PDB file of N, CA and C in Angstrom:
ATOM      1  N   MET A   1     -27.519 -81.374  36.996  1.00  0.00           N
ATOM      2  CA  MET A   1     -26.771 -82.549  37.398  1.00  0.00           C
ATOM      3  C   MET A   1     -25.690 -82.180  38.419  1.00  0.00           C
ATOM      4  N   THR A   2     -25.052 -81.030  38.198  1.00  0.00           N
ATOM      5  CA  THR A   2     -24.002 -80.628  39.131  1.00  0.00           C
ATOM      6  C   THR A   2     -24.568 -80.288  40.507  1.00  0.00           C
ATOM      7  N   THR A   3     -25.794 -79.765  40.536  1.00  0.00           N
ATOM      8  CA  THR A   3     -26.424 -79.467  41.822  1.00  0.00           C
ATOM      9  C   THR A   3     -26.687 -80.757  42.595  1.00  0.00           C
ATOM     10  N   PHE A   4     -27.186 -81.758  41.888  1.00  0.00           N
ATOM     11  CA  PHE A   4     -27.454 -83.055  42.517  1.00  0.00           C
ATOM     12  C   PHE A   4     -26.170 -83.675  43.061  1.00  0.00           C
ATOM     13  N   LEU A   5     -25.106 -83.632  42.266  1.00  0.00           N
ATOM     14  CA  LEU A   5     -23.834 -84.197  42.708  1.00  0.00           C
ATOM     15  C   LEU A   5     -23.233 -83.386  43.858  1.00  0.00           C
ATOM     16  N   SER A   6     -23.436 -82.084  43.849  1.00  0.00           N
ATOM     17  CA  SER A   6     -22.954 -81.251  44.956  1.00  0.00           C
ATOM     18  C   SER A   6     -23.661 -81.611  46.258  1.00  0.00           C
ATOM     19  N   ILE A   7     -24.940 -81.894  46.175  1.00  0.00           N
ATOM     20  CA  ILE A   7     -25.702 -82.307  47.358  1.00  0.00           C
ATOM     21  C   ILE A   7     -25.214 -83.671  47.846  1.00  0.00           C
ATOM     22  N   ILE A   8     -24.957 -84.586  46.921  1.00  0.00           N
ATOM     23  CA  ILE A   8     -24.440 -85.914  47.279  1.00  0.00           C
ATOM     24  C   ILE A   8     -23.077 -85.793  47.945  1.00  0.00           C
ATOM     25  N   VAL A   9     -22.211 -84.922  47.417  1.00  0.00           N
ATOM     26  CA  VAL A   9     -20.887 -84.711  48.007  1.00  0.00           C
ATOM     27  C   VAL A   9     -21.032 -84.174  49.427  1.00  0.00           C
ATOM     28  N   ALA A  10     -21.899 -83.193  49.608  1.00  0.00           N
ATOM     29  CA  ALA A  10     -22.081 -82.597  50.931  1.00  0.00           C
ATOM     30  C   ALA A  10     -22.642 -83.612  51.934  1.00  0.00           C
ATOM     31  N   LEU A  11     -23.645 -84.376  51.527  1.00  0.00           N
ATOM     32  CA  LEU A  11     -24.237 -85.364  52.438  1.00  0.00           C
ATOM     33  C   LEU A  11     -23.267 -86.484  52.790  1.00  0.00           C
ATOM     34  N   SER A  12     -22.505 -86.943  51.805  1.00  0.00           N
ATOM     35  CA  SER A  12     -21.546 -88.006  52.096  1.00  0.00           C
ATOM     36  C   SER A  12     -20.399 -87.497  52.963  1.00  0.00           C
ATOM     37  N   ALA A  13     -20.018 -86.238  52.793  1.00  0.00           N
ATOM     38  CA  ALA A  13     -18.979 -85.655  53.641  1.00  0.00           C
ATOM     39  C   ALA A  13     -19.465 -85.554  55.079  1.00  0.00           C
ATOM     40  N   ILE A  14     -20.697 -85.113  55.267  1.00  0.00           N
ATOM     41  CA  ILE A  14     -21.265 -85.017  56.615  1.00  0.00           C
ATOM     42  C   ILE A  14     -21.385 -86.393  57.248  1.00  0.00           C
ATOM     43  N   ALA A  15     -21.823 -87.387  56.472  1.00  0.00           N
ATOM     44  CA  ALA A  15     -21.952 -88.750  56.992  1.00  0.00           C
ATOM     45  C   ALA A  15     -20.596 -89.319  57.386  1.00  0.00           C
ATOM     46  N   THR A  16     -19.569 -89.069  56.576  1.00  0.00           N
ATOM     47  CA  THR A  16     -18.225 -89.547  56.890  1.00  0.00           C
ATOM     48  C   THR A  16     -17.691 -88.897  58.151  1.00  0.00           C
ATOM     49  N   ILE A  17     -17.853 -87.588  58.252  1.00  0.00           N
ATOM     50  CA  ILE A  17     -17.377 -86.865  59.436  1.00  0.00           C
ATOM     51  C   ILE A  17     -18.071 -87.367  60.697  1.00  0.00           C
ATOM     52  N   CYS A  18     -19.380 -87.502  60.642  1.00  0.00           N
ATOM     53  CA  CYS A  18     -20.137 -87.964  61.817  1.00  0.00           C
ATOM     54  C   CYS A  18     -19.751 -89.385  62.215  1.00  0.00           C
ATOM     55  N   ALA A  19     -19.590 -90.271  61.233  1.00  0.00           N
ATOM     56  CA  ALA A  19     -19.231 -91.654  61.537  1.00  0.00           C
ATOM     57  C   ALA A  19     -17.840 -91.742  62.151  1.00  0.00           C
ATOM     58  N   VAL A  20     -16.904 -90.928  61.678  1.00  0.00           N
ATOM     59  CA  VAL A  20     -15.545 -90.957  62.223  1.00  0.00           C
ATOM     60  C   VAL A  20     -15.517 -90.383  63.631  1.00  0.00           C
ATOM     61  N   VAL A  21     -16.277 -89.319  63.863  1.00  0.00           N
ATOM     62  CA  VAL A  21     -16.283 -88.687  65.181  1.00  0.00           C
ATOM     63  C   VAL A  21     -16.903 -89.613  66.233  1.00  0.00           C
ATOM     64  N   VAL A  22     -17.907 -90.375  65.864  1.00  0.00           N
ATOM     65  CA  VAL A  22     -18.606 -91.239  66.818  1.00  0.00           C
ATOM     66  C   VAL A  22     -17.809 -92.496  67.152  1.00  0.00           C
ATOM     67  N   GLN A  23     -16.922 -92.929  66.249  1.00  0.00           N
ATOM     68  CA  GLN A  23     -16.168 -94.164  66.472  1.00  0.00           C
ATOM     69  C   GLN A  23     -15.232 -94.043  67.665  1.00  0.00           C
ATOM     70  N   GLU A  24     -15.070 -95.153  68.364  1.00  0.00           N
ATOM     71  CA  GLU A  24     -14.134 -95.213  69.472  1.00  0.00           C
ATOM     72  C   GLU A  24     -12.742 -95.536  68.940  1.00  0.00           C
ATOM     73  N   SER A  25     -11.736 -95.148  69.688  1.00  0.00           N
ATOM     74  CA  SER A  25     -10.363 -95.389  69.279  1.00  0.00           C
ATOM     75  C   SER A  25     -10.001 -96.860  69.460  1.00  0.00           C
ATOM     76  N   ASN A  26      -9.183 -97.381  68.560  1.00  0.00           N
ATOM     77  CA  ASN A  26      -8.704 -98.759  68.677  1.00  0.00           C
ATOM     78  C   ASN A  26      -7.481 -98.862  69.569  1.00  0.00           C
ATOM     79  N   GLN A  27      -6.881 -97.752  69.909  1.00  0.00           N
ATOM     80  CA  GLN A  27      -5.675 -97.754  70.720  1.00  0.00           C
ATOM     81  C   GLN A  27      -6.044 -97.842  72.199  1.00  0.00           C
ATOM     82  N   VAL A  28      -5.228 -98.574  72.953  1.00  0.00           N
ATOM     83  CA  VAL A  28      -5.455 -98.703  74.378  1.00  0.00           C
ATOM     84  C   VAL A  28      -4.647 -97.692  75.172  1.00  0.00           C
ATOM     85  N   GLY A  29      -3.825 -96.924  74.491  1.00  0.00           N
ATOM     86  CA  GLY A  29      -3.055 -95.889  75.165  1.00  0.00           C
ATOM     87  C   GLY A  29      -1.999 -96.462  76.078  1.00  0.00           C
ATOM     88  N   LEU A  30      -1.958 -95.999  77.327  1.00  0.00           N
ATOM     89  CA  LEU A  30      -0.940 -96.439  78.278  1.00  0.00           C
ATOM     90  C   LEU A  30      -1.220 -97.826  78.849  1.00  0.00           C
ATOM     91  N   GLY A  31      -2.334 -98.427  78.495  1.00  0.00           N
ATOM     92  CA  GLY A  31      -2.651 -99.761  78.985  1.00  0.00           C
ATOM     93  C   GLY A  31      -1.731-100.843  78.462  1.00  0.00           C
ATOM     94  N   THR A  32      -0.958-100.548  77.426  1.00  0.00           N
ATOM     95  CA  THR A  32      -0.054-101.545  76.864  1.00  0.00           C
ATOM     96  C   THR A  32       1.291-101.578  77.579  1.00  0.00           C
ATOM     97  N   LEU A  33       1.544-100.659  78.497  1.00  0.00           N
ATOM     98  CA  LEU A  33       2.836-100.616  79.179  1.00  0.00           C
ATOM     99  C   LEU A  33       3.045-101.794  80.121  1.00  0.00           C
ATOM    100  N   ASP A  34       1.974-102.339  80.661  1.00  0.00           N
ATOM    101  CA  ASP A  34       2.124-103.456  81.592  1.00  0.00           C
ATOM    102  C   ASP A  34       2.199-104.810  80.880  1.00  0.00           C
ATOM    103  N   GLY A  35       2.102-104.820  79.565  1.00  0.00           N
ATOM    104  CA  GLY A  35       2.250-106.059  78.806  1.00  0.00           C
ATOM    105  C   GLY A  35       0.953-106.783  78.541  1.00  0.00           C
ATOM    106  N   SER A  36      -0.130-106.299  79.089  1.00  0.00           N
ATOM    107  CA  SER A  36      -1.406-106.971  78.845  1.00  0.00           C
ATOM    108  C   SER A  36      -1.978-106.493  77.517  1.00  0.00           C
ATOM    109  N   SER A  37      -2.671-107.378  76.855  1.00  0.00           N
ATOM    110  CA  SER A  37      -3.285-107.007  75.587  1.00  0.00           C
ATOM    111  C   SER A  37      -4.799-107.070  75.742  1.00  0.00           C
ATOM    112  N   PRO A  38      -5.521-106.255  74.972  1.00  0.00           N
ATOM    113  CA  PRO A  38      -6.976-106.292  75.068  1.00  0.00           C
ATOM    114  C   PRO A  38      -7.522-107.615  74.563  1.00  0.00           C
ATOM    115  N   SER A  39      -8.628-108.045  75.122  1.00  0.00           N
ATOM    116  CA  SER A  39      -9.217-109.321  74.716  1.00  0.00           C
ATOM    117  C   SER A  39      -9.792-109.205  73.313  1.00  0.00           C
ATOM    118  N   SER A  40      -9.670-110.268  72.602  1.00  0.00           N
ATOM    119  CA  SER A  40     -10.153-110.281  71.222  1.00  0.00           C
ATOM    120  C   SER A  40     -11.450-111.063  71.144  1.00  0.00           C
ATOM    121  N   GLU A  41     -12.419-110.483  70.460  1.00  0.00           N
ATOM    122  CA  GLU A  41     -13.696-111.164  70.257  1.00  0.00           C
ATOM    123  C   GLU A  41     -13.827-111.520  68.785  1.00  0.00           C
ATOM    124  N   TRP A  42     -12.864-112.240  68.287  1.00  0.00           N
ATOM    125  CA  TRP A  42     -12.798-112.572  66.872  1.00  0.00           C
ATOM    126  C   TRP A  42     -13.988-113.415  66.446  1.00  0.00           C
ATOM    127  N   GLY A  43     -14.793-112.894  65.526  1.00  0.00           N
ATOM    128  CA  GLY A  43     -15.904-113.640  64.955  1.00  0.00           C
ATOM    129  C   GLY A  43     -17.124-113.751  65.822  1.00  0.00           C
ATOM    130  N   SER A  44     -17.178-113.062  66.937  1.00  0.00           N
ATOM    131  CA  SER A  44     -18.330-113.232  67.822  1.00  0.00           C
ATOM    132  C   SER A  44     -19.544-112.453  67.343  1.00  0.00           C
ATOM    133  N   ASN A  45     -19.345-111.322  66.666  1.00  0.00           N
ATOM    134  CA  ASN A  45     -20.477-110.506  66.249  1.00  0.00           C
ATOM    135  C   ASN A  45     -20.801-110.635  64.765  1.00  0.00           C
ATOM    136  N   ARG A  46     -19.844-111.007  63.986  1.00  0.00           N
ATOM    137  CA  ARG A  46     -19.998-111.181  62.538  1.00  0.00           C
ATOM    138  C   ARG A  46     -20.541-109.929  61.849  1.00  0.00           C
ATOM    139  N   GLY A  47     -20.022-108.772  62.217  1.00  0.00           N
ATOM    140  CA  GLY A  47     -20.363-107.540  61.527  1.00  0.00           C
ATOM    141  C   GLY A  47     -21.628-106.854  61.982  1.00  0.00           C
ATOM    142  N   THR A  48     -22.210-107.282  63.085  1.00  0.00           N
ATOM    143  CA  THR A  48     -23.455-106.681  63.522  1.00  0.00           C
ATOM    144  C   THR A  48     -23.282-105.728  64.698  1.00  0.00           C
ATOM    145  N   SER A  49     -22.078-105.572  65.185  1.00  0.00           N
ATOM    146  CA  SER A  49     -21.868-104.688  66.319  1.00  0.00           C
ATOM    147  C   SER A  49     -21.898-103.232  65.861  1.00  0.00           C
ATOM    148  N   ARG A  50     -22.020-102.345  66.809  1.00  0.00           N
ATOM    149  CA  ARG A  50     -22.052-100.911  66.513  1.00  0.00           C
ATOM    150  C   ARG A  50     -20.742-100.469  65.869  1.00  0.00           C
ATOM    151  N   LYS A  51     -19.655-101.018  66.352  1.00  0.00           N
ATOM    152  CA  LYS A  51     -18.332-100.686  65.834  1.00  0.00           C
ATOM    153  C   LYS A  51     -18.211-101.072  64.356  1.00  0.00           C
ATOM    154  N   ASP A  52     -18.678-102.261  64.013  1.00  0.00           N
ATOM    155  CA  ASP A  52     -18.608-102.716  62.629  1.00  0.00           C
ATOM    156  C   ASP A  52     -19.544-101.926  61.720  1.00  0.00           C
ATOM    157  N   MET A  53     -20.713-101.559  62.237  1.00  0.00           N
ATOM    158  CA  MET A  53     -21.642-100.760  61.443  1.00  0.00           C
ATOM    159  C   MET A  53     -21.066 -99.378  61.155  1.00  0.00           C
ATOM    160  N   LEU A  54     -20.401 -98.775  62.141  1.00  0.00           N
ATOM    161  CA  LEU A  54     -19.790 -97.466  61.925  1.00  0.00           C
ATOM    162  C   LEU A  54     -18.646 -97.548  60.923  1.00  0.00           C
ATOM    163  N   LYS A  55     -17.878 -98.642  60.983  1.00  0.00           N
ATOM    164  CA  LYS A  55     -16.810 -98.837  59.998  1.00  0.00           C
ATOM    165  C   LYS A  55     -17.391 -98.957  58.590  1.00  0.00           C
ATOM    166  N   ARG A  56     -18.475 -99.706  58.470  1.00  0.00           N
ATOM    167  CA  ARG A  56     -19.112 -99.903  57.166  1.00  0.00           C
ATOM    168  C   ARG A  56     -19.675 -98.582  56.640  1.00  0.00           C
ATOM    169  N   ILE A  57     -20.313 -97.800  57.505  1.00  0.00           N
ATOM    170  CA  ILE A  57     -20.842 -96.492  57.102  1.00  0.00           C
ATOM    171  C   ILE A  57     -19.715 -95.580  56.654  1.00  0.00           C
ATOM    172  N   THR A  58     -18.600 -95.608  57.371  1.00  0.00           N
ATOM    173  CA  THR A  58     -17.452 -94.773  57.010  1.00  0.00           C
ATOM    174  C   THR A  58     -16.908 -95.153  55.640  1.00  0.00           C
ATOM    175  N   VAL A  59     -16.754 -96.428  55.387  1.00  0.00           N
ATOM    176  CA  VAL A  59     -16.210 -96.882  54.103  1.00  0.00           C
ATOM    177  C   VAL A  59     -17.155 -96.538  52.957  1.00  0.00           C
ATOM    178  N   VAL A  60     -18.437 -96.819  53.118  1.00  0.00           N
ATOM    179  CA  VAL A  60     -19.397 -96.576  52.045  1.00  0.00           C
ATOM    180  C   VAL A  60     -19.532 -95.085  51.758  1.00  0.00           C
ATOM    181  N   SER A  61     -19.649 -94.280  52.805  1.00  0.00           N
ATOM    182  CA  SER A  61     -19.801 -92.841  52.576  1.00  0.00           C
ATOM    183  C   SER A  61     -18.526 -92.231  51.994  1.00  0.00           C
ATOM    184  N   SER A  62     -17.375 -92.777  52.350  1.00  0.00           N
ATOM    185  CA  SER A  62     -16.123 -92.291  51.764  1.00  0.00           C
ATOM    186  C   SER A  62     -16.027 -92.636  50.285  1.00  0.00           C
ATOM    187  N   ILE A  63     -16.448 -93.818  49.922  1.00  0.00           N
ATOM    188  CA  ILE A  63     -16.442 -94.217  48.512  1.00  0.00           C
ATOM    189  C   ILE A  63     -17.411 -93.363  47.712  1.00  0.00           C
ATOM    190  N   ILE A  64     -18.603 -93.127  48.258  1.00  0.00           N
ATOM    191  CA  ILE A  64     -19.584 -92.278  47.579  1.00  0.00           C
ATOM    192  C   ILE A  64     -19.034 -90.860  47.421  1.00  0.00           C
ATOM    193  N   PHE A  65     -18.399 -90.339  48.472  1.00  0.00           N
ATOM    194  CA  PHE A  65     -17.803 -89.013  48.406  1.00  0.00           C
ATOM    195  C   PHE A  65     -16.736 -88.940  47.322  1.00  0.00           C
ATOM    196  N   PHE A  66     -15.856 -89.915  47.300  1.00  0.00           N
ATOM    197  CA  PHE A  66     -14.763 -89.946  46.325  1.00  0.00           C
ATOM    198  C   PHE A  66     -15.293 -90.007  44.894  1.00  0.00           C
ATOM    199  N   LEU A  67     -16.203 -90.938  44.637  1.00  0.00           N
ATOM    200  CA  LEU A  67     -16.717 -91.111  43.283  1.00  0.00           C
ATOM    201  C   LEU A  67     -17.527 -89.905  42.816  1.00  0.00           C
ATOM    202  N   SER A  68     -18.382 -89.373  43.687  1.00  0.00           N
ATOM    203  CA  SER A  68     -19.193 -88.237  43.276  1.00  0.00           C
ATOM    204  C   SER A  68     -18.345 -86.986  43.073  1.00  0.00           C
ATOM    205  N   THR A  69     -17.268 -86.843  43.837  1.00  0.00           N
ATOM    206  CA  THR A  69     -16.368 -85.714  43.628  1.00  0.00           C
ATOM    207  C   THR A  69     -15.647 -85.835  42.292  1.00  0.00           C
ATOM    208  N   ILE A  70     -15.189 -87.021  41.956  1.00  0.00           N
ATOM    209  CA  ILE A  70     -14.523 -87.246  40.663  1.00  0.00           C
ATOM    210  C   ILE A  70     -15.483 -86.959  39.510  1.00  0.00           C
ATOM    211  N   ILE A  71     -16.707 -87.430  39.618  1.00  0.00           N
ATOM    212  CA  ILE A  71     -17.696 -87.200  38.557  1.00  0.00           C
ATOM    213  C   ILE A  71     -18.034 -85.720  38.458  1.00  0.00           C
ATOM    214  N   LEU A  72     -18.160 -85.054  39.588  1.00  0.00           N
ATOM    215  CA  LEU A  72     -18.462 -83.621  39.586  1.00  0.00           C
ATOM    216  C   LEU A  72     -17.335 -82.815  38.929  1.00  0.00           C
ATOM    217  N   ILE A  73     -16.111 -83.185  39.221  1.00  0.00           N
ATOM    218  CA  ILE A  73     -14.977 -82.498  38.586  1.00  0.00           C
ATOM    219  C   ILE A  73     -14.969 -82.750  37.085  1.00  0.00           C
ATOM    220  N   ALA A  74     -15.264 -83.973  36.682  1.00  0.00           N
ATOM    221  CA  ALA A  74     -15.278 -84.303  35.245  1.00  0.00           C
ATOM    222  C   ALA A  74     -16.381 -83.539  34.506  1.00  0.00           C
ATOM    223  N   LEU A  75     -17.509 -83.339  35.168  1.00  0.00           N
ATOM    224  CA  LEU A  75     -18.616 -82.649  34.514  1.00  0.00           C
ATOM    225  C   LEU A  75     -18.405 -81.141  34.430  1.00  0.00           C
ATOM    226  N   THR A  76     -17.660 -80.580  35.350  1.00  0.00           N
ATOM    227  CA  THR A  76     -17.479 -79.135  35.345  1.00  0.00           C
ATOM    228  C   THR A  76     -16.368 -78.674  34.397  1.00  0.00           C
ATOM    229  N   LYS A  77     -15.569 -79.566  33.908  1.00  0.00           N
ATOM    230  CA  LYS A  77     -14.491 -79.183  32.981  1.00  0.00           C
ATOM    231  C   LYS A  77     -14.962 -79.213  31.557  1.00  0.00           C
TER     232      LYS A  77
END
């Protein structure tokens, strides 16, 4: 059981790292100095854009990582 959970921890960690690295930054950097704000596309994609999918993958893989790590620690004690 611990081997299975160790594999789950490793895979979810890799998935989280990859999803975070691929995501684009939400900050506009020095573009905010002139007072302009980025355009908002509120509700236009409804969760189907690449950005939203990467956010969802990050959240799910992080939750799986957290839970499987807690269970693995509980089983090894």
